[in-house]
Protein backbone atom coordinates (compact mmCIF):
# COMPACT_ATOMS: atom_id res chain seq x y z
CA MET A 1 13.53 -22.55 14.73
CA THR A 2 10.07 -23.28 16.07
CA ILE A 3 6.87 -21.74 14.81
CA LYS A 4 3.29 -21.75 16.06
CA GLN A 5 0.90 -23.65 13.82
CA LYS A 6 -2.86 -23.80 14.23
CA LEU A 7 -4.88 -26.90 13.35
CA THR A 8 -8.64 -27.00 13.06
CA TYR A 9 -10.34 -30.34 13.75
CA LEU A 10 -13.91 -30.99 12.70
CA ILE A 11 -16.05 -32.58 15.41
CA GLU A 12 -19.44 -34.14 14.73
CA THR A 13 -21.77 -33.99 17.73
CA LYS A 14 -24.49 -36.48 18.61
CA GLN A 15 -26.99 -34.11 16.99
CA ASN A 16 -25.02 -34.45 13.70
CA GLU A 17 -23.78 -30.90 13.97
CA ILE A 18 -20.27 -30.07 12.80
CA HIS A 19 -18.12 -27.94 15.10
CA GLU A 20 -14.57 -26.72 14.72
CA TYR A 21 -11.97 -27.25 17.43
CA PRO A 22 -8.71 -25.31 17.09
CA LEU A 23 -5.40 -26.69 18.35
CA SER A 24 -2.20 -24.65 18.46
CA LEU A 25 1.13 -26.50 18.36
CA ASN A 26 4.76 -25.48 18.41
CA ILE A 27 6.59 -27.27 15.61
CA ILE A 28 9.96 -27.16 13.86
CA ASN A 29 9.68 -25.61 10.43
CA ASP A 30 12.77 -27.36 9.02
CA SER A 31 12.22 -30.95 7.80
CA LYS A 32 15.78 -32.11 8.58
CA LYS A 33 15.61 -30.70 12.10
CA GLN A 34 12.21 -32.37 12.51
CA MET A 35 13.74 -35.75 11.67
CA TYR A 36 16.63 -35.09 14.04
CA ILE A 37 14.51 -34.22 17.08
CA ILE A 38 12.02 -37.04 16.43
CA HIS A 39 14.85 -39.55 16.06
CA LYS A 40 16.45 -38.27 19.26
CA VAL A 41 13.26 -38.76 21.28
CA LEU A 42 12.59 -42.12 19.61
CA LYS A 43 16.07 -43.32 20.52
CA LYS A 44 15.52 -42.30 24.15
CA GLN A 45 12.25 -44.20 24.36
CA LEU A 46 13.74 -47.33 22.79
CA ILE A 47 16.75 -47.25 25.11
CA GLU A 48 14.64 -46.87 28.24
CA SER A 49 12.25 -49.62 27.14
CA ARG A 50 15.04 -52.19 27.51
CA GLN A 51 14.41 -54.38 30.55
CA GLY A 52 18.05 -54.94 31.44
CA ASN A 53 17.19 -57.77 33.84
CA ALA A 54 19.71 -60.36 32.58
CA HIS A 55 21.80 -61.22 35.62
CA THR A 56 24.38 -63.88 36.45
CA LYS A 57 26.15 -64.52 39.75
CA THR A 58 29.86 -64.47 40.29
CA ARG A 59 31.54 -67.09 42.45
CA SER A 60 31.32 -64.78 45.46
CA GLU A 61 27.53 -64.48 45.13
CA ILE A 62 26.72 -68.19 44.94
CA ARG A 63 25.83 -69.98 48.14
CA GLY A 64 28.19 -72.62 49.46
CA GLY A 65 31.68 -73.61 48.35
CA GLY A 66 33.47 -72.41 51.43
CA LYS A 67 35.13 -75.75 52.09
CA LYS A 68 38.03 -76.93 49.98
CA PRO A 69 36.75 -80.02 48.03
CA TRP A 70 39.89 -82.09 48.67
CA LYS A 71 43.38 -81.59 49.90
CA GLN A 72 45.85 -79.74 47.73
CA LYS A 73 48.25 -82.62 47.03
CA GLY A 74 48.31 -86.36 46.87
CA THR A 75 44.92 -87.16 45.33
CA GLY A 76 46.05 -87.22 41.70
CA ARG A 77 43.32 -84.79 40.78
CA ALA A 78 43.64 -81.17 39.74
CA ARG A 79 43.82 -78.76 42.62
CA ALA A 80 40.54 -77.08 43.56
CA GLY A 81 39.70 -74.47 46.14
CA SER A 82 35.92 -74.22 45.86
CA ILE A 83 33.03 -76.05 44.25
CA ARG A 84 31.73 -72.61 43.15
CA SER A 85 34.64 -71.99 40.83
CA PRO A 86 33.63 -70.85 37.29
CA LEU A 87 35.26 -74.06 36.05
CA TRP A 88 32.74 -76.20 37.92
CA ARG A 89 29.17 -76.98 37.01
CA GLY A 90 26.94 -74.83 39.20
CA GLY A 91 29.76 -72.41 39.81
CA GLY A 92 29.92 -68.68 39.23
CA VAL A 93 29.95 -67.03 35.82
CA THR A 94 32.98 -65.07 34.66
CA PHE A 95 32.20 -61.69 33.05
CA GLY A 96 28.47 -62.51 32.84
CA PRO A 97 25.72 -59.90 32.34
CA LYS A 98 24.52 -57.82 35.28
CA SER A 99 21.08 -56.23 35.65
CA LYS A 100 21.05 -52.52 34.95
CA ILE A 101 18.71 -49.62 34.31
CA TYR A 102 19.04 -47.97 30.91
CA LYS A 103 18.73 -44.20 30.96
CA SER A 104 18.99 -41.53 28.31
CA LYS A 105 18.93 -37.78 28.88
CA ILE A 106 16.77 -35.44 26.84
CA ASN A 107 15.21 -32.09 27.63
CA LYS A 108 11.48 -31.97 28.34
CA LYS A 109 11.04 -29.20 25.78
CA GLU A 110 12.63 -31.35 23.10
CA LYS A 111 10.27 -34.24 23.86
CA ARG A 112 7.22 -31.95 23.81
CA LEU A 113 8.40 -30.40 20.56
CA ALA A 114 8.85 -33.80 18.90
CA ILE A 115 5.38 -34.97 19.95
CA GLN A 116 3.75 -31.74 18.78
CA THR A 117 5.55 -31.97 15.45
CA LEU A 118 4.32 -35.52 14.91
CA ILE A 119 0.75 -34.62 15.86
CA TYR A 120 0.92 -31.83 13.31
CA ASN A 121 2.35 -34.10 10.60
CA LYS A 122 -0.35 -36.72 11.26
CA PHE A 123 -3.18 -34.19 10.99
CA THR A 124 -4.56 -35.62 7.72
CA ASN A 125 -4.68 -39.12 9.25
CA THR A 126 -6.37 -37.98 12.46
CA LEU A 127 -10.07 -38.28 13.22
CA ILE A 128 -11.90 -36.77 16.20
CA ILE A 129 -14.63 -39.04 17.57
CA ASN A 130 -17.28 -38.91 20.28
CA ASP A 131 -16.72 -40.67 23.59
CA PHE A 132 -18.96 -43.61 22.67
CA ILE A 133 -16.13 -46.05 23.38
CA GLN A 134 -15.80 -44.92 26.98
CA ASN A 135 -19.54 -45.13 27.61
CA SER A 136 -19.98 -48.85 26.90
CA ASP A 137 -21.96 -50.71 29.59
CA LYS A 138 -20.17 -54.03 29.18
CA PRO A 139 -17.04 -55.29 27.43
CA SER A 140 -17.79 -56.27 23.83
CA THR A 141 -15.32 -56.33 20.98
CA LYS A 142 -18.15 -56.79 18.49
CA ILE A 143 -19.82 -53.54 19.59
CA ILE A 144 -16.55 -51.61 19.37
CA VAL A 145 -15.88 -52.95 15.85
CA LYS A 146 -19.40 -52.02 14.76
CA GLN A 147 -19.10 -48.49 16.17
CA LEU A 148 -15.74 -47.98 14.48
CA ASN A 149 -17.10 -49.28 11.18
CA ASN A 150 -19.94 -46.77 11.44
CA ILE A 151 -17.43 -43.91 11.37
CA GLY A 152 -15.50 -45.42 8.45
CA ILE A 153 -12.72 -47.21 10.36
CA ASN A 154 -11.99 -50.70 9.06
CA THR A 155 -10.54 -52.80 11.87
CA ASP A 156 -9.79 -55.76 9.56
CA GLN A 157 -6.89 -54.02 7.88
CA ASN A 158 -3.30 -54.50 8.95
CA ASN A 159 -2.81 -50.77 9.39
CA LYS A 160 -2.06 -49.73 12.94
CA ILE A 161 -4.78 -47.63 14.61
CA LEU A 162 -3.99 -45.44 17.61
CA LEU A 163 -6.90 -44.64 19.90
CA ILE A 164 -6.30 -41.75 22.31
CA VAL A 165 -8.83 -41.39 25.13
CA GLU A 166 -9.21 -39.26 28.23
CA LYS A 167 -8.81 -42.21 30.59
CA LYS A 168 -9.10 -45.98 30.36
CA ASN A 169 -11.71 -48.15 32.00
CA THR A 170 -12.11 -51.91 32.35
CA ASN A 171 -14.85 -52.31 29.74
CA MET A 172 -12.87 -50.34 27.19
CA TYR A 173 -9.68 -52.31 27.81
CA LEU A 174 -11.40 -55.70 27.62
CA SER A 175 -13.23 -54.71 24.43
CA ILE A 176 -10.14 -53.55 22.55
CA ARG A 177 -7.42 -55.93 23.73
CA ASN A 178 -8.43 -58.59 21.17
CA LEU A 179 -7.94 -56.15 18.29
CA ASN A 180 -4.24 -56.52 17.58
CA ASN A 181 -4.00 -53.54 15.24
CA ILE A 182 -5.55 -51.05 17.72
CA GLU A 183 -3.44 -49.49 20.44
CA LEU A 184 -5.22 -47.77 23.33
CA ILE A 185 -3.46 -44.99 25.24
CA THR A 186 -4.52 -42.00 27.32
CA ALA A 187 -3.94 -38.38 26.37
CA ASN A 188 -1.37 -38.01 29.13
CA ASN A 189 0.71 -40.91 27.79
CA ILE A 190 1.20 -39.91 24.16
CA ASN A 191 4.58 -41.14 22.97
CA ILE A 192 6.73 -41.07 19.86
CA ILE A 193 6.61 -44.80 19.04
CA SER A 194 2.80 -44.97 19.15
CA LEU A 195 2.48 -41.91 16.91
CA LEU A 196 5.04 -43.19 14.41
CA LYS A 197 3.46 -46.64 14.09
CA ALA A 198 -0.09 -45.35 13.67
CA LYS A 199 -1.52 -45.12 10.18
CA LYS A 200 -4.77 -43.75 11.59
CA ILE A 201 -5.20 -41.78 14.81
CA LEU A 202 -8.54 -41.54 16.63
CA ILE A 203 -8.86 -38.96 19.39
CA THR A 204 -11.90 -38.53 21.60
CA ILE A 205 -13.19 -35.02 22.22
CA ASN A 206 -12.21 -35.01 25.91
CA ALA A 207 -8.75 -36.35 25.06
CA LEU A 208 -8.30 -33.56 22.51
CA LYS A 209 -9.09 -31.00 25.20
CA ILE A 210 -6.40 -32.51 27.43
CA ILE A 211 -3.88 -32.40 24.58
CA ASN A 212 -4.75 -28.77 23.93
CA LYS A 213 -4.32 -27.90 27.61
CA THR A 214 -1.08 -29.89 27.96
CA TYR A 215 0.72 -28.26 25.06
CA ASN A 216 -0.59 -24.75 25.51
CA ASP A 217 0.08 -24.21 29.20
């Protein structure tokens, strides 16, 4: 059974004023069912993240080998019909792997429900920040670290930090890519793995508005 839960985030403006921003989410009120639906969506994402590009050729796919190497009898050697036989070096592979696309079916409502449930469960570890990161004039990891330290985020720790923004730009990407414990994603690409790994979640104000619109339409 799903229920509607309302979260209230505190947002500090540039004028040091505190505003409240409500966010309504549909969540599962049963803890066991929460684990089930989250695990189901997690399994789907892990399955579809497999590349599946291992590929070997059979003897029919390898170029050459149309001519019989030597006559059938009289040479004293074992009979051979093609130099592309799996028994030969450079020949085809028997029962080798073939490239494939891994797919897993899940309903869109289930995926949305799992993400909303995780956002709700991570509420105490979530911080709403201004869009100072997106407004940087040039790429600088040092500036990003300083700005995060000013709001109480220690980037030296091993804890995973998830930064959710409205949209990425080049300066932002170049500034954050050297910080191994910070993952940068957009509000439209929130996923189960990123939410589960994160010990601290930072959401910009504009990204929060997109999340609110996405899950309340």
